[in-house]
């Protein structure tokens, strides 16, 4: 039979132990974390990033306005500011949602290649960017001497480094400045490839780059090693080569894909990923995929 004094000691000990356990759990929940959300927007790309210092970054916007609904769930309704938008290339499956974003959100910085392409959608994008860089004032803002917020347009080129608190985004591709160049067919090998680094965690966002573009990045000596790879071109068989995978060495691959007539993701790409023992997630099967990092460990929510 337990003596009363011993019983009280055990109760107090368990209480103290429980207190410290919950204190540690609370501390873990309060640690700054990087959140990378691969959004299910159909047959297209869209990735929303929230840094530990609460910077908001959007890479591509998908083929329709679905990104607006996603953003409405990821951000409080009163927060209409995005620190950085990256448009990897001006094709419908990446660009359409970005045009919706430019109309509904205050975009502080807009990074893209600046290539010129014919077509109504591309003309509309140019108009929206011009308006964002030169916003109009009304009587109230003018009378109060309030300057409207403007968007800074940045032309992507390998070697750029963008810092957002503890997060660094390196531009790996294109290797040359494409601003103002007319391109009839916006080649997948003119798109923006980025690497995000947060302490010991890293992500490669490979846009729609092909075997040829992958090799150019490797030949340029870029460090492409990463924990997570956003698979290029929705899993096209002409992207994500074995050579590229050998250099990236990802633990996780995310394929942003929806219903399509192209056979994406192809069996060839799936087999390559499986050959390297890479864990595969797909937005058409898993829906939105969020990866949280404390700088060392990854937690995947889908």
C-alpha atoms as a PDB file:
ATOM      1  CA  UNK A   1       0.000   0.000   0.000  1.00  0.00           C
ATOM      2  CA  UNK A   2       1.345   3.412  -1.020  1.00  0.00           C
ATOM      3  CA  UNK A   3       1.937   5.766   1.885  1.00  0.00           C
ATOM      4  CA  UNK A   4       0.198   9.144   1.786  1.00  0.00           C
ATOM      5  CA  UNK A   5       3.514  11.028   1.555  1.00  0.00           C
ATOM      6  CA  UNK A   6       4.714   8.874  -1.344  1.00  0.00           C
ATOM      7  CA  UNK A   7       1.365   9.280  -3.092  1.00  0.00           C
ATOM      8  CA  UNK A   8       1.543  13.065  -2.872  1.00  0.00           C
ATOM      9  CA  UNK A   9       5.123  13.004  -4.171  1.00  0.00           C
ATOM     10  CA  UNK A  10       4.041  10.925  -7.197  1.00  0.00           C
ATOM     11  CA  UNK A  11       1.120  13.269  -7.901  1.00  0.00           C
ATOM     12  CA  UNK A  12       3.341  16.354  -7.706  1.00  0.00           C
ATOM     13  CA  UNK A  13       6.033  14.678  -9.852  1.00  0.00           C
ATOM     14  CA  UNK A  14       3.503  13.742 -12.567  1.00  0.00           C
ATOM     15  CA  UNK A  15       2.046  17.249 -12.499  1.00  0.00           C
ATOM     16  CA  UNK A  16       5.487  18.834 -12.962  1.00  0.00           C
ATOM     17  CA  UNK A  17       6.377  16.339 -15.703  1.00  0.00           C
ATOM     18  CA  UNK A  18       3.092  17.061 -17.486  1.00  0.00           C
ATOM     19  CA  UNK A  19       3.734  20.808 -17.209  1.00  0.00           C
ATOM     20  CA  UNK A  20       7.161  20.557 -18.830  1.00  0.00           C
ATOM     21  CA  UNK A  21       5.866  18.240 -21.558  1.00  0.00           C
ATOM     22  CA  UNK A  22       3.148  20.702 -22.516  1.00  0.00           C
ATOM     23  CA  UNK A  23       5.609  23.574 -22.257  1.00  0.00           C
ATOM     24  CA  UNK A  24       7.866  21.837 -24.808  1.00  0.00           C
ATOM     25  CA  UNK A  25       4.954  21.088 -27.128  1.00  0.00           C
ATOM     26  CA  UNK A  26       3.871  24.729 -26.942  1.00  0.00           C
ATOM     27  CA  UNK A  27       7.433  25.874 -27.649  1.00  0.00           C
ATOM     28  CA  UNK A  28       7.615  23.628 -30.692  1.00  0.00           C
ATOM     29  CA  UNK A  29       4.361  25.040 -32.027  1.00  0.00           C
ATOM     30  CA  UNK A  30       5.721  28.583 -31.626  1.00  0.00           C
ATOM     31  CA  UNK A  31       9.000  27.979 -33.459  1.00  0.00           C
ATOM     32  CA  UNK A  32       9.237  29.878 -36.741  1.00  0.00           C
ATOM     33  CA  UNK A  33       8.444  27.572 -39.642  1.00  0.00           C
ATOM     34  CA  UNK A  34       8.481  27.704 -43.409  1.00  0.00           C
ATOM     35  CA  UNK A  35       5.222  26.661 -45.077  1.00  0.00           C
ATOM     36  CA  UNK A  36       5.199  25.708 -48.758  1.00  0.00           C
ATOM     37  CA  UNK A  37       1.765  24.917 -50.189  1.00  0.00           C
ATOM     38  CA  UNK A  38       1.470  23.242 -53.590  1.00  0.00           C
ATOM     39  CA  UNK A  39      -2.027  24.225 -54.665  1.00  0.00           C
ATOM     40  CA  UNK A  40      -4.447  21.981 -56.520  1.00  0.00           C
ATOM     41  CA  UNK A  41      -5.514  24.329 -59.327  1.00  0.00           C
ATOM     42  CA  UNK A  42      -6.024  21.738 -62.063  1.00  0.00           C
ATOM     43  CA  UNK A  43      -3.620  21.292 -64.973  1.00  0.00           C
ATOM     44  CA  UNK A  44      -1.257  24.048 -63.960  1.00  0.00           C
ATOM     45  CA  UNK A  45       1.246  25.272 -61.372  1.00  0.00           C
ATOM     46  CA  UNK A  46       0.710  27.396 -58.278  1.00  0.00           C
ATOM     47  CA  UNK A  47       2.795  27.402 -55.091  1.00  0.00           C
ATOM     48  CA  UNK A  48       2.205  29.639 -52.068  1.00  0.00           C
ATOM     49  CA  UNK A  49       5.044  30.184 -49.593  1.00  0.00           C
ATOM     50  CA  UNK A  50       4.836  31.690 -46.127  1.00  0.00           C
ATOM     51  CA  UNK A  51       8.206  32.365 -44.533  1.00  0.00           C
ATOM     52  CA  UNK A  52       8.947  32.216 -40.789  1.00  0.00           C
ATOM     53  CA  UNK A  53       8.931  36.039 -40.777  1.00  0.00           C
ATOM     54  CA  UNK A  54       5.486  36.023 -42.447  1.00  0.00           C
ATOM     55  CA  UNK A  55       6.565  37.029 -45.952  1.00  0.00           C
ATOM     56  CA  UNK A  56       4.124  35.864 -48.627  1.00  0.00           C
ATOM     57  CA  UNK A  57       5.434  34.530 -51.936  1.00  0.00           C
ATOM     58  CA  UNK A  58       3.415  33.104 -54.835  1.00  0.00           C
ATOM     59  CA  UNK A  59       4.997  31.137 -57.679  1.00  0.00           C
ATOM     60  CA  UNK A  60       2.579  30.954 -60.641  1.00  0.00           C
ATOM     61  CA  UNK A  61      -1.198  31.102 -60.456  1.00  0.00           C
ATOM     62  CA  UNK A  62      -2.545  28.166 -62.425  1.00  0.00           C
ATOM     63  CA  UNK A  63      -4.874  28.113 -65.465  1.00  0.00           C
ATOM     64  CA  UNK A  64      -7.925  29.826 -63.930  1.00  0.00           C
ATOM     65  CA  UNK A  65      -9.179  31.853 -60.981  1.00  0.00           C
ATOM     66  CA  UNK A  66      -9.047  28.902 -58.530  1.00  0.00           C
ATOM     67  CA  UNK A  67      -5.961  30.444 -56.922  1.00  0.00           C
ATOM     68  CA  UNK A  68      -8.120  33.248 -55.510  1.00  0.00           C
ATOM     69  CA  UNK A  69     -10.200  30.769 -53.515  1.00  0.00           C
ATOM     70  CA  UNK A  70      -7.029  29.047 -52.295  1.00  0.00           C
ATOM     71  CA  UNK A  71      -5.468  32.344 -51.222  1.00  0.00           C
ATOM     72  CA  UNK A  72      -8.662  33.271 -49.410  1.00  0.00           C
ATOM     73  CA  UNK A  73      -8.190  30.210 -47.213  1.00  0.00           C
ATOM     74  CA  UNK A  74      -4.449  30.652 -46.709  1.00  0.00           C
ATOM     75  CA  UNK A  75      -4.570  34.333 -45.753  1.00  0.00           C
ATOM     76  CA  UNK A  76      -6.986  36.242 -43.499  1.00  0.00           C
ATOM     77  CA  UNK A  77      -9.596  38.171 -45.501  1.00  0.00           C
ATOM     78  CA  UNK A  78      -8.078  41.546 -44.568  1.00  0.00           C
ATOM     79  CA  UNK A  79      -4.571  40.654 -45.795  1.00  0.00           C
ATOM     80  CA  UNK A  80      -4.346  41.523 -49.489  1.00  0.00           C
ATOM     81  CA  UNK A  81      -0.575  41.904 -49.757  1.00  0.00           C
ATOM     82  CA  UNK A  82       1.858  39.517 -51.447  1.00  0.00           C
ATOM     83  CA  UNK A  83       5.532  40.346 -51.056  1.00  0.00           C
ATOM     84  CA  UNK A  84       6.721  38.524 -54.167  1.00  0.00           C
ATOM     85  CA  UNK A  85       5.032  36.959 -57.178  1.00  0.00           C
ATOM     86  CA  UNK A  86       7.138  34.820 -59.502  1.00  0.00           C
ATOM     87  CA  UNK A  87       5.677  34.100 -62.944  1.00  0.00           C
ATOM     88  CA  UNK A  88       7.833  31.313 -64.323  1.00  0.00           C
ATOM     89  CA  UNK A  89       6.658  31.915 -67.882  1.00  0.00           C
ATOM     90  CA  UNK A  90       3.663  33.561 -69.562  1.00  0.00           C
ATOM     91  CA  UNK A  91       1.665  30.486 -70.536  1.00  0.00           C
ATOM     92  CA  UNK A  92      -1.978  30.038 -69.597  1.00  0.00           C
ATOM     93  CA  UNK A  93      -1.435  27.180 -67.115  1.00  0.00           C
ATOM     94  CA  UNK A  94       0.891  29.408 -65.073  1.00  0.00           C
ATOM     95  CA  UNK A  95      -0.294  32.928 -65.889  1.00  0.00           C
ATOM     96  CA  UNK A  96      -4.104  33.156 -65.829  1.00  0.00           C
ATOM     97  CA  UNK A  97      -4.407  33.011 -62.054  1.00  0.00           C
ATOM     98  CA  UNK A  98      -1.572  35.542 -61.699  1.00  0.00           C
ATOM     99  CA  UNK A  99      -3.630  38.083 -63.659  1.00  0.00           C
ATOM    100  CA  UNK A 100      -6.460  37.560 -61.147  1.00  0.00           C
ATOM    101  CA  UNK A 101      -3.987  38.071 -58.312  1.00  0.00           C
ATOM    102  CA  UNK A 102      -2.717  41.350 -59.806  1.00  0.00           C
ATOM    103  CA  UNK A 103      -6.293  42.647 -59.831  1.00  0.00           C
ATOM    104  CA  UNK A 104      -7.178  41.575 -56.277  1.00  0.00           C
ATOM    105  CA  UNK A 105      -3.935  41.863 -54.303  1.00  0.00           C
ATOM    106  CA  UNK A 106      -1.218  44.400 -53.672  1.00  0.00           C
ATOM    107  CA  UNK A 107       1.877  42.771 -55.147  1.00  0.00           C
ATOM    108  CA  UNK A 108       5.073  44.395 -53.873  1.00  0.00           C
ATOM    109  CA  UNK A 109       7.503  42.622 -56.226  1.00  0.00           C
ATOM    110  CA  UNK A 110       6.907  40.778 -59.487  1.00  0.00           C
ATOM    111  CA  UNK A 111       9.672  38.582 -60.923  1.00  0.00           C
ATOM    112  CA  UNK A 112       9.519  37.165 -64.443  1.00  0.00           C
ATOM    113  CA  UNK A 113      11.557  36.912 -67.649  1.00  0.00           C
ATOM    114  CA  UNK A 114       9.992  39.918 -69.407  1.00  0.00           C
ATOM    115  CA  UNK A 115       9.655  38.042 -72.704  1.00  0.00           C
ATOM    116  CA  UNK A 116       7.284  39.503 -75.284  1.00  0.00           C
ATOM    117  CA  UNK A 117       4.623  37.226 -76.715  1.00  0.00           C
ATOM    118  CA  UNK A 118       1.632  37.900 -78.946  1.00  0.00           C
ATOM    119  CA  UNK A 119      -1.906  37.166 -77.813  1.00  0.00           C
ATOM    120  CA  UNK A 120      -4.734  38.811 -75.881  1.00  0.00           C
ATOM    121  CA  UNK A 121      -3.779  37.264 -72.535  1.00  0.00           C
ATOM    122  CA  UNK A 122      -0.207  38.465 -72.830  1.00  0.00           C
ATOM    123  CA  UNK A 123      -1.435  41.924 -73.807  1.00  0.00           C
ATOM    124  CA  UNK A 124      -3.657  41.956 -70.718  1.00  0.00           C
ATOM    125  CA  UNK A 125      -0.721  40.898 -68.518  1.00  0.00           C
ATOM    126  CA  UNK A 126       1.348  43.800 -69.874  1.00  0.00           C
ATOM    127  CA  UNK A 127      -1.508  46.208 -69.092  1.00  0.00           C
ATOM    128  CA  UNK A 128      -1.923  44.884 -65.553  1.00  0.00           C
ATOM    129  CA  UNK A 129       1.805  45.147 -64.865  1.00  0.00           C
ATOM    130  CA  UNK A 130       1.873  48.703 -66.210  1.00  0.00           C
ATOM    131  CA  UNK A 131      -1.068  49.609 -63.983  1.00  0.00           C
ATOM    132  CA  UNK A 132       0.588  47.961 -60.965  1.00  0.00           C
ATOM    133  CA  UNK A 133       3.776  49.949 -61.562  1.00  0.00           C
ATOM    134  CA  UNK A 134       1.895  53.198 -62.160  1.00  0.00           C
ATOM    135  CA  UNK A 135      -1.252  53.059 -60.031  1.00  0.00           C
ATOM    136  CA  UNK A 136      -3.741  55.886 -60.403  1.00  0.00           C
ATOM    137  CA  UNK A 137      -4.768  58.143 -57.533  1.00  0.00           C
ATOM    138  CA  UNK A 138      -8.239  59.350 -56.644  1.00  0.00           C
ATOM    139  CA  UNK A 139      -9.443  62.582 -55.039  1.00  0.00           C
ATOM    140  CA  UNK A 140      -9.301  61.183 -51.493  1.00  0.00           C
ATOM    141  CA  UNK A 141      -5.755  59.778 -51.704  1.00  0.00           C
ATOM    142  CA  UNK A 142      -4.543  62.915 -53.451  1.00  0.00           C
ATOM    143  CA  UNK A 143      -6.097  65.225 -50.855  1.00  0.00           C
ATOM    144  CA  UNK A 144      -4.571  63.175 -48.013  1.00  0.00           C
ATOM    145  CA  UNK A 145      -1.233  63.036 -49.843  1.00  0.00           C
ATOM    146  CA  UNK A 146      -1.282  59.225 -49.764  1.00  0.00           C
ATOM    147  CA  UNK A 147       1.009  57.601 -52.293  1.00  0.00           C
ATOM    148  CA  UNK A 148      -0.519  54.469 -53.869  1.00  0.00           C
ATOM    149  CA  UNK A 149       1.522  51.303 -53.449  1.00  0.00           C
ATOM    150  CA  UNK A 150       3.459  50.305 -56.542  1.00  0.00           C
ATOM    151  CA  UNK A 151       4.791  46.997 -57.809  1.00  0.00           C
ATOM    152  CA  UNK A 152       8.494  46.610 -58.515  1.00  0.00           C
ATOM    153  CA  UNK A 153       9.125  44.450 -61.592  1.00  0.00           C
ATOM    154  CA  UNK A 154      12.283  42.327 -61.490  1.00  0.00           C
ATOM    155  CA  UNK A 155      13.717  40.575 -64.549  1.00  0.00           C
ATOM    156  CA  UNK A 156      14.809  37.038 -63.727  1.00  0.00           C
ATOM    157  CA  UNK A 157      18.333  35.885 -64.493  1.00  0.00           C
ATOM    158  CA  UNK A 158      20.605  33.244 -63.025  1.00  0.00           C
ATOM    159  CA  UNK A 159      22.681  34.521 -60.125  1.00  0.00           C
ATOM    160  CA  UNK A 160      19.950  36.580 -58.483  1.00  0.00           C
ATOM    161  CA  UNK A 161      19.424  36.166 -54.763  1.00  0.00           C
ATOM    162  CA  UNK A 162      16.282  37.339 -53.020  1.00  0.00           C
ATOM    163  CA  UNK A 163      16.186  37.322 -49.226  1.00  0.00           C
ATOM    164  CA  UNK A 164      13.030  37.189 -47.141  1.00  0.00           C
ATOM    165  CA  UNK A 165      14.169  36.985 -43.538  1.00  0.00           C
ATOM    166  CA  UNK A 166      15.762  33.561 -43.028  1.00  0.00           C
ATOM    167  CA  UNK A 167      14.662  32.391 -46.480  1.00  0.00           C
ATOM    168  CA  UNK A 168      16.770  32.782 -49.619  1.00  0.00           C
ATOM    169  CA  UNK A 169      15.462  32.339 -53.162  1.00  0.00           C
ATOM    170  CA  UNK A 170      18.146  31.812 -55.815  1.00  0.00           C
ATOM    171  CA  UNK A 171      17.327  32.146 -59.504  1.00  0.00           C
ATOM    172  CA  UNK A 172      19.012  29.287 -61.372  1.00  0.00           C
ATOM    173  CA  UNK A 173      17.530  29.858 -64.832  1.00  0.00           C
ATOM    174  CA  UNK A 174      17.321  31.466 -67.387  1.00  0.00           C
ATOM    175  CA  UNK A 175      21.040  31.974 -67.804  1.00  0.00           C
ATOM    176  CA  UNK A 176      20.571  35.158 -69.884  1.00  0.00           C
ATOM    177  CA  UNK A 177      18.469  38.290 -69.658  1.00  0.00           C
ATOM    178  CA  UNK A 178      15.365  37.788 -71.823  1.00  0.00           C
ATOM    179  CA  UNK A 179      13.670  41.110 -71.118  1.00  0.00           C
ATOM    180  CA  UNK A 180      11.920  42.478 -74.204  1.00  0.00           C
ATOM    181  CA  UNK A 181      12.824  39.550 -76.431  1.00  0.00           C
ATOM    182  CA  UNK A 182      10.028  38.505 -78.768  1.00  0.00           C
ATOM    183  CA  UNK A 183       9.255  34.812 -78.607  1.00  0.00           C
ATOM    184  CA  UNK A 184       6.482  33.418 -80.795  1.00  0.00           C
ATOM    185  CA  UNK A 185       6.271  30.199 -78.827  1.00  0.00           C
ATOM    186  CA  UNK A 186       7.242  30.713 -75.212  1.00  0.00           C
ATOM    187  CA  UNK A 187       9.713  27.857 -74.939  1.00  0.00           C
ATOM    188  CA  UNK A 188       9.717  25.879 -71.727  1.00  0.00           C
ATOM    189  CA  UNK A 189      13.442  26.554 -71.638  1.00  0.00           C
ATOM    190  CA  UNK A 190      12.881  30.272 -71.112  1.00  0.00           C
ATOM    191  CA  UNK A 191      11.090  29.684 -67.816  1.00  0.00           C
ATOM    192  CA  UNK A 192      12.267  30.671 -64.328  1.00  0.00           C
ATOM    193  CA  UNK A 193      13.814  27.903 -62.220  1.00  0.00           C
ATOM    194  CA  UNK A 194      14.274  28.825 -58.543  1.00  0.00           C
ATOM    195  CA  UNK A 195      15.804  27.255 -55.470  1.00  0.00           C
ATOM    196  CA  UNK A 196      14.464  28.133 -52.024  1.00  0.00           C
ATOM    197  CA  UNK A 197      16.764  27.645 -49.040  1.00  0.00           C
ATOM    198  CA  UNK A 198      15.734  27.776 -45.384  1.00  0.00           C
ATOM    199  CA  UNK A 199      18.581  26.678 -43.125  1.00  0.00           C
ATOM    200  CA  UNK A 200      19.063  22.952 -43.936  1.00  0.00           C
ATOM    201  CA  UNK A 201      15.870  22.616 -45.979  1.00  0.00           C
ATOM    202  CA  UNK A 202      15.676  23.408 -49.685  1.00  0.00           C
ATOM    203  CA  UNK A 203      13.210  23.254 -52.566  1.00  0.00           C
ATOM    204  CA  UNK A 204      13.680  23.324 -56.344  1.00  0.00           C
ATOM    205  CA  UNK A 205      10.832  24.806 -58.402  1.00  0.00           C
ATOM    206  CA  UNK A 206      11.568  23.496 -61.893  1.00  0.00           C
ATOM    207  CA  UNK A 207       8.717  25.221 -63.816  1.00  0.00           C
ATOM    208  CA  UNK A 208       8.346  23.488 -67.238  1.00  0.00           C
ATOM    209  CA  UNK A 209      12.028  23.083 -68.024  1.00  0.00           C
ATOM    210  CA  UNK A 210      13.084  20.266 -70.374  1.00  0.00           C
ATOM    211  CA  UNK A 211      16.079  17.899 -70.508  1.00  0.00           C
ATOM    212  CA  UNK A 212      17.997  20.566 -72.448  1.00  0.00           C
ATOM    213  CA  UNK A 213      17.353  23.262 -69.867  1.00  0.00           C
ATOM    214  CA  UNK A 214      18.221  20.924 -67.007  1.00  0.00           C
ATOM    215  CA  UNK A 215      21.574  20.171 -68.619  1.00  0.00           C
ATOM    216  CA  UNK A 216      22.292  23.881 -69.122  1.00  0.00           C
ATOM    217  CA  UNK A 217      21.721  24.487 -65.406  1.00  0.00           C
ATOM    218  CA  UNK A 218      24.048  21.627 -64.472  1.00  0.00           C
ATOM    219  CA  UNK A 219      26.698  22.701 -67.003  1.00  0.00           C
ATOM    220  CA  UNK A 220      26.601  26.193 -65.475  1.00  0.00           C
ATOM    221  CA  UNK A 221      27.666  24.638 -62.173  1.00  0.00           C
ATOM    222  CA  UNK A 222      24.523  25.549 -60.254  1.00  0.00           C
ATOM    223  CA  UNK A 223      23.962  23.761 -56.952  1.00  0.00           C
ATOM    224  CA  UNK A 224      20.613  22.047 -57.458  1.00  0.00           C
ATOM    225  CA  UNK A 225      20.643  19.674 -54.476  1.00  0.00           C
ATOM    226  CA  UNK A 226      17.349  19.922 -52.602  1.00  0.00           C
ATOM    227  CA  UNK A 227      15.053  18.044 -50.245  1.00  0.00           C
ATOM    228  CA  UNK A 228      11.961  18.734 -52.344  1.00  0.00           C
ATOM    229  CA  UNK A 229      11.562  18.915 -56.120  1.00  0.00           C
ATOM    230  CA  UNK A 230       8.576  20.492 -57.832  1.00  0.00           C
ATOM    231  CA  UNK A 231       8.611  18.179 -60.846  1.00  0.00           C
ATOM    232  CA  UNK A 232       8.886  20.011 -64.157  1.00  0.00           C
ATOM    233  CA  UNK A 233       6.084  20.330 -66.701  1.00  0.00           C
ATOM    234  CA  UNK A 234       3.471  18.326 -64.776  1.00  0.00           C
ATOM    235  CA  UNK A 235       5.448  15.115 -65.240  1.00  0.00           C
ATOM    236  CA  UNK A 236       6.204  15.347 -68.967  1.00  0.00           C
ATOM    237  CA  UNK A 237       8.487  12.572 -70.221  1.00  0.00           C
ATOM    238  CA  UNK A 238      10.808  15.222 -71.696  1.00  0.00           C
ATOM    239  CA  UNK A 239      11.638  16.630 -68.260  1.00  0.00           C
ATOM    240  CA  UNK A 240      13.093  15.353 -64.978  1.00  0.00           C
ATOM    241  CA  UNK A 241      15.981  13.362 -66.420  1.00  0.00           C
ATOM    242  CA  UNK A 242      17.948  10.796 -64.457  1.00  0.00           C
ATOM    243  CA  UNK A 243      20.951  13.133 -64.656  1.00  0.00           C
ATOM    244  CA  UNK A 244      18.960  15.924 -63.056  1.00  0.00           C
ATOM    245  CA  UNK A 245      17.612  13.633 -60.326  1.00  0.00           C
ATOM    246  CA  UNK A 246      21.138  12.368 -59.575  1.00  0.00           C
ATOM    247  CA  UNK A 247      22.164  15.969 -58.867  1.00  0.00           C
ATOM    248  CA  UNK A 248      19.042  17.183 -57.054  1.00  0.00           C
ATOM    249  CA  UNK A 249      18.780  14.049 -54.874  1.00  0.00           C
ATOM    250  CA  UNK A 250      15.297  14.955 -53.566  1.00  0.00           C
ATOM    251  CA  UNK A 251      13.558  13.058 -50.796  1.00  0.00           C
ATOM    252  CA  UNK A 252      10.164  14.280 -51.979  1.00  0.00           C
ATOM    253  CA  UNK A 253       8.761  15.075 -55.432  1.00  0.00           C
ATOM    254  CA  UNK A 254       5.561  17.026 -55.980  1.00  0.00           C
ATOM    255  CA  UNK A 255       3.770  16.863 -59.328  1.00  0.00           C
ATOM    256  CA  UNK A 256       1.293  19.668 -59.964  1.00  0.00           C
ATOM    257  CA  UNK A 257      -1.157  18.184 -62.427  1.00  0.00           C
ATOM    258  CA  UNK A 258      -4.862  17.963 -63.206  1.00  0.00           C
ATOM    259  CA  UNK A 259      -7.108  16.257 -65.716  1.00  0.00           C
ATOM    260  CA  UNK A 260      -5.356  16.451 -69.096  1.00  0.00           C
ATOM    261  CA  UNK A 261      -4.976  14.907 -72.538  1.00  0.00           C
ATOM    262  CA  UNK A 262      -1.174  14.833 -72.481  1.00  0.00           C
ATOM    263  CA  UNK A 263      -0.753  11.736 -70.349  1.00  0.00           C
ATOM    264  CA  UNK A 264       0.763  13.757 -67.487  1.00  0.00           C
ATOM    265  CA  UNK A 265       2.369  12.555 -65.359  1.00  0.00           C
ATOM    266  CA  UNK A 266       3.927  10.039 -67.720  1.00  0.00           C
ATOM    267  CA  UNK A 267       4.928   6.538 -66.695  1.00  0.00           C
ATOM    268  CA  UNK A 268       8.521   7.348 -67.698  1.00  0.00           C
ATOM    269  CA  UNK A 269       8.799  10.126 -65.102  1.00  0.00           C
ATOM    270  CA  UNK A 270       7.049   8.123 -62.392  1.00  0.00           C
ATOM    271  CA  UNK A 271       9.459   5.236 -63.000  1.00  0.00           C
ATOM    272  CA  UNK A 272      12.484   7.545 -62.814  1.00  0.00           C
ATOM    273  CA  UNK A 273      11.295   8.985 -59.503  1.00  0.00           C
ATOM    274  CA  UNK A 274      10.590   5.508 -58.105  1.00  0.00           C
ATOM    275  CA  UNK A 275      14.012   4.297 -59.254  1.00  0.00           C
ATOM    276  CA  UNK A 276      15.637   6.891 -56.983  1.00  0.00           C
ATOM    277  CA  UNK A 277      13.332   6.023 -54.075  1.00  0.00           C
ATOM    278  CA  UNK A 278      11.709   9.468 -54.086  1.00  0.00           C
ATOM    279  CA  UNK A 279       8.378   9.876 -52.311  1.00  0.00           C
ATOM    280  CA  UNK A 280       5.801  11.154 -54.818  1.00  0.00           C
ATOM    281  CA  UNK A 281       2.855  13.468 -54.189  1.00  0.00           C
ATOM    282  CA  UNK A 282       0.397  14.609 -56.863  1.00  0.00           C
ATOM    283  CA  UNK A 283      -2.166  17.387 -56.664  1.00  0.00           C
ATOM    284  CA  UNK A 284      -4.624  15.413 -58.822  1.00  0.00           C
ATOM    285  CA  UNK A 285      -4.603  12.605 -56.252  1.00  0.00           C
ATOM    286  CA  UNK A 286      -3.586  14.300 -52.998  1.00  0.00           C
ATOM    287  CA  UNK A 287      -5.165  17.734 -53.466  1.00  0.00           C
ATOM    288  CA  UNK A 288      -3.325  20.639 -51.837  1.00  0.00           C
ATOM    289  CA  UNK A 289       0.033  19.531 -50.437  1.00  0.00           C
ATOM    290  CA  UNK A 290       1.655  21.564 -47.680  1.00  0.00           C
ATOM    291  CA  UNK A 291       5.239  20.998 -46.573  1.00  0.00           C
ATOM    292  CA  UNK A 292       6.312  22.578 -43.291  1.00  0.00           C
ATOM    293  CA  UNK A 293       9.967  22.930 -42.338  1.00  0.00           C
ATOM    294  CA  UNK A 294      11.640  24.083 -39.141  1.00  0.00           C
ATOM    295  CA  UNK A 295      14.883  24.358 -41.079  1.00  0.00           C
ATOM    296  CA  UNK A 296      15.915  20.756 -40.436  1.00  0.00           C
ATOM    297  CA  UNK A 297      12.861  18.529 -40.635  1.00  0.00           C
ATOM    298  CA  UNK A 298       9.979  18.318 -43.088  1.00  0.00           C
ATOM    299  CA  UNK A 299       6.352  17.654 -42.225  1.00  0.00           C
ATOM    300  CA  UNK A 300       3.992  16.888 -45.107  1.00  0.00           C
ATOM    301  CA  UNK A 301       0.263  17.594 -44.848  1.00  0.00           C
ATOM    302  CA  UNK A 302      -2.126  16.552 -47.604  1.00  0.00           C
END
